[in-house]
Amino acid sequence: MKYARIVLSLTAFILTMLSLIALCSALETDILMITEHNISIDVGPDLVLSSKMISQTDKGISIQTIVINNSSAGNSTNATLVIYSIPMYREDLNTTNSTDFSKFVENVMIGAFQLTGGKVVKELTVKNSLAENVTIRIMGLPKSKAEPKGDRFSFAIWPIDSRNIMMLLSHLDEDANAKIVETLKVKS
């Protein structure tokens, strides 16, 4: 009888400890799940996608780069599309406005170009596939040792959803840049 009480007490103790361990190892939290989407652009027969690079920081920020080359004979102009994804949790998504964030990044880029002597030469506004206005800025950079003739390129920044912004840096002509912005679609 005494042996049975010891075994029963020991069993009760072990079960109690196991239940406490199970409670301590339980976890309930929110996590961010990233899904893959298709991107499409109607760029015409002379422009081809030449590379796609993905990099990610230890903070979860993802930067994807797509290079668009002009394949017409003797033409070496290209454009780069950069998709910048910021990991934000549910509370942050409610307070962050992707349009305001893309305007902030755009202002930083313009400021950086101006610090190197660049000037906004021309601006044109086009509608993206969501019928939102996107401003394409044509920048002129002064002559330098690296660029003896100077440089002229276009850039545009716009949100594509609540966590992702698109940046276009391009040496293509204005019509090609406008077509890229107008036809770029993200599909689930």
Protein backbone atom coordinates (compact mmCIF):
# COMPACT_ATOMS: atom_id res chain seq x y z
CA MET A 1 0.00 0.00 0.00
CA LYS A 2 2.82 2.38 0.91
CA TYR A 3 4.56 1.52 -2.36
CA ALA A 4 1.36 2.26 -4.33
CA ARG A 5 1.04 5.72 -2.70
CA ILE A 6 4.64 6.54 -3.60
CA VAL A 7 4.10 5.46 -7.23
CA LEU A 8 0.81 7.41 -7.37
CA SER A 9 2.43 10.51 -5.86
CA LEU A 10 5.40 10.25 -8.22
CA THR A 11 3.06 9.81 -11.21
CA ALA A 12 1.00 12.85 -10.15
CA PHE A 13 4.20 14.88 -9.75
CA ILE A 14 5.51 13.87 -13.21
CA LEU A 15 2.15 14.63 -14.88
CA THR A 16 2.01 18.02 -13.17
CA MET A 17 5.56 18.84 -14.34
CA LEU A 18 4.77 17.71 -17.89
CA SER A 19 1.68 19.90 -17.98
CA LEU A 20 3.71 22.90 -16.76
CA ILE A 21 6.39 22.28 -19.38
CA ALA A 22 3.73 22.05 -22.09
CA LEU A 23 2.26 25.38 -20.93
CA CYS A 24 5.66 27.05 -20.94
CA SER A 25 6.45 25.91 -24.47
CA ALA A 26 3.18 27.18 -25.97
CA LEU A 27 3.56 30.17 -28.29
CA GLU A 28 0.94 32.36 -29.83
CA THR A 29 2.00 35.35 -31.87
CA ASP A 30 1.48 37.16 -35.17
CA ILE A 31 3.91 36.52 -38.01
CA LEU A 32 4.30 38.07 -41.42
CA MET A 33 3.87 35.62 -44.28
CA ILE A 34 5.15 36.72 -47.67
CA THR A 35 3.49 35.29 -50.76
CA GLU A 36 4.77 35.15 -54.31
CA HIS A 37 3.08 37.26 -56.99
CA ASN A 38 3.51 37.48 -60.74
CA ILE A 39 4.59 40.72 -62.33
CA SER A 40 3.86 41.55 -65.96
CA ILE A 41 5.00 44.41 -68.17
CA ASP A 42 4.07 45.02 -71.80
CA VAL A 43 7.37 46.45 -73.06
CA GLY A 44 7.29 45.53 -76.74
CA PRO A 45 9.58 43.36 -78.86
CA ASP A 46 12.84 45.33 -78.47
CA LEU A 47 12.93 45.27 -74.67
CA VAL A 48 13.78 42.05 -72.83
CA LEU A 49 14.14 41.15 -69.16
CA SER A 50 17.76 40.21 -68.70
CA SER A 51 18.22 39.44 -65.03
CA LYS A 52 16.47 39.14 -61.72
CA MET A 53 18.37 39.49 -58.45
CA ILE A 54 16.93 39.15 -54.96
CA SER A 55 18.63 40.28 -51.78
CA GLN A 56 17.33 40.32 -48.24
CA THR A 57 18.63 42.00 -45.11
CA ASP A 58 18.69 40.46 -41.66
CA LYS A 59 15.79 42.78 -40.76
CA GLY A 60 13.58 41.12 -43.39
CA ILE A 61 13.72 43.91 -45.97
CA SER A 62 13.64 42.44 -49.45
CA ILE A 63 15.05 44.14 -52.55
CA GLN A 64 14.37 42.58 -55.95
CA THR A 65 15.99 43.94 -59.11
CA ILE A 66 14.87 43.33 -62.69
CA VAL A 67 17.00 44.69 -65.56
CA ILE A 68 15.30 45.52 -68.87
CA ASN A 69 17.65 45.69 -71.87
CA ASN A 70 17.00 47.20 -75.26
CA SER A 71 17.84 44.40 -77.70
CA SER A 72 17.69 46.45 -80.90
CA ALA A 73 20.90 46.34 -82.98
CA GLY A 74 23.73 48.36 -81.47
CA ASN A 75 21.64 49.69 -78.60
CA SER A 76 23.00 49.28 -75.08
CA THR A 77 20.43 51.30 -73.14
CA ASN A 78 18.61 49.69 -70.27
CA ALA A 79 16.26 50.24 -67.35
CA THR A 80 16.24 48.80 -63.86
CA LEU A 81 13.13 48.06 -61.84
CA VAL A 82 13.66 47.73 -58.09
CA ILE A 83 10.91 46.31 -55.87
CA TYR A 84 11.52 47.34 -52.28
CA SER A 85 9.54 45.31 -49.73
CA ILE A 86 9.36 46.32 -46.09
CA PRO A 87 8.24 43.82 -43.45
CA MET A 88 5.60 45.41 -41.27
CA TYR A 89 3.32 43.77 -38.78
CA ARG A 90 -0.42 44.24 -38.69
CA GLU A 91 -0.32 47.26 -36.35
CA ASP A 92 2.20 49.04 -38.59
CA LEU A 93 0.21 48.36 -41.75
CA ASN A 94 -2.72 50.25 -40.24
CA THR A 95 -0.62 53.37 -39.65
CA THR A 96 1.71 53.37 -42.68
CA ASN A 97 0.56 54.97 -45.89
CA SER A 98 2.43 53.43 -48.83
CA THR A 99 1.89 56.53 -50.97
CA ASP A 100 3.45 58.75 -48.30
CA PHE A 101 6.34 56.31 -47.86
CA SER A 102 7.04 56.23 -51.61
CA LYS A 103 6.96 60.06 -51.69
CA PHE A 104 9.49 60.09 -48.83
CA VAL A 105 11.83 57.74 -50.74
CA GLU A 106 11.33 59.84 -53.90
CA ASN A 107 12.28 63.05 -52.04
CA VAL A 108 15.39 61.36 -50.61
CA MET A 109 16.44 60.24 -54.11
CA ILE A 110 15.90 63.71 -55.61
CA GLY A 111 17.93 65.21 -52.75
CA ALA A 112 20.76 62.71 -53.30
CA PHE A 113 20.88 63.50 -57.03
CA GLN A 114 20.86 67.25 -56.29
CA LEU A 115 23.75 66.85 -53.83
CA THR A 116 25.84 65.46 -56.70
CA GLY A 117 24.92 68.42 -58.91
CA GLY A 118 21.94 66.81 -60.63
CA LYS A 119 18.87 68.71 -61.72
CA VAL A 120 15.33 67.71 -62.62
CA VAL A 121 15.25 68.51 -66.36
CA LYS A 122 11.69 67.43 -67.08
CA GLU A 123 8.72 65.78 -65.40
CA LEU A 124 5.88 63.83 -66.95
CA THR A 125 2.91 62.25 -65.25
CA VAL A 126 1.40 58.96 -66.42
CA LYS A 127 -1.25 56.64 -65.00
CA ASN A 128 -0.15 53.25 -63.69
CA SER A 129 -2.24 50.08 -64.13
CA LEU A 130 -4.28 51.07 -61.05
CA ALA A 131 -5.13 54.47 -62.67
CA GLU A 132 -2.95 56.33 -60.13
CA ASN A 133 -0.67 59.20 -61.15
CA VAL A 134 3.05 58.42 -61.30
CA THR A 135 5.59 61.16 -61.99
CA ILE A 136 8.57 60.24 -64.15
CA ARG A 137 11.45 62.64 -63.57
CA ILE A 138 14.22 63.11 -66.10
CA MET A 139 17.44 63.93 -64.25
CA GLY A 140 20.54 65.54 -65.66
CA LEU A 141 23.88 64.96 -63.92
CA PRO A 142 26.88 67.23 -64.63
CA LYS A 143 30.09 66.17 -66.35
CA SER A 144 32.59 64.31 -64.17
CA LYS A 145 35.67 62.14 -64.51
CA ALA A 146 33.48 59.04 -64.48
CA GLU A 147 30.96 60.58 -66.92
CA PRO A 148 32.82 63.06 -69.17
CA LYS A 149 29.64 63.83 -71.13
CA GLY A 150 27.43 63.96 -68.06
CA ASP A 151 24.45 61.66 -67.65
CA ARG A 152 20.74 61.88 -68.27
CA PHE A 153 18.28 59.30 -66.99
CA SER A 154 14.69 58.91 -65.84
CA PHE A 155 13.39 57.72 -62.52
CA ALA A 156 10.00 57.15 -60.92
CA ILE A 157 8.88 55.74 -57.58
CA TRP A 158 5.36 54.54 -56.76
CA PRO A 159 3.61 52.12 -54.38
CA ILE A 160 2.29 48.82 -55.74
CA ASP A 161 0.57 47.75 -52.50
CA SER A 162 0.66 48.50 -48.77
CA ARG A 163 4.18 47.07 -48.19
CA ASN A 164 5.94 47.31 -51.56
CA ILE A 165 7.17 50.19 -53.64
CA MET A 166 8.51 50.17 -57.19
CA MET A 167 11.45 52.26 -58.39
CA LEU A 168 12.36 52.72 -62.05
CA LEU A 169 15.84 53.96 -63.01
CA SER A 170 16.10 54.14 -66.78
CA HIS A 171 18.20 55.23 -69.74
CA LEU A 172 15.40 54.28 -72.13
CA ASP A 173 13.40 56.92 -74.02
CA GLU A 174 10.38 58.66 -72.51
CA ASP A 175 7.84 56.54 -74.40
CA ALA A 176 9.39 53.26 -73.21
CA ASN A 177 9.51 54.51 -69.61
CA ALA A 178 5.87 55.62 -69.76
CA LYS A 179 4.86 52.22 -71.19
CA ILE A 180 6.71 50.39 -68.37
CA VAL A 181 4.89 52.41 -65.69
CA GLU A 182 1.51 52.20 -67.43
CA THR A 183 1.58 48.45 -68.09
CA LEU A 184 3.32 47.06 -64.99
CA LYS A 185 0.85 44.82 -63.16
CA VAL A 186 1.23 42.70 -60.04
CA LYS A 187 -1.00 39.62 -60.00
CA SER A 188 -1.70 37.26 -57.12
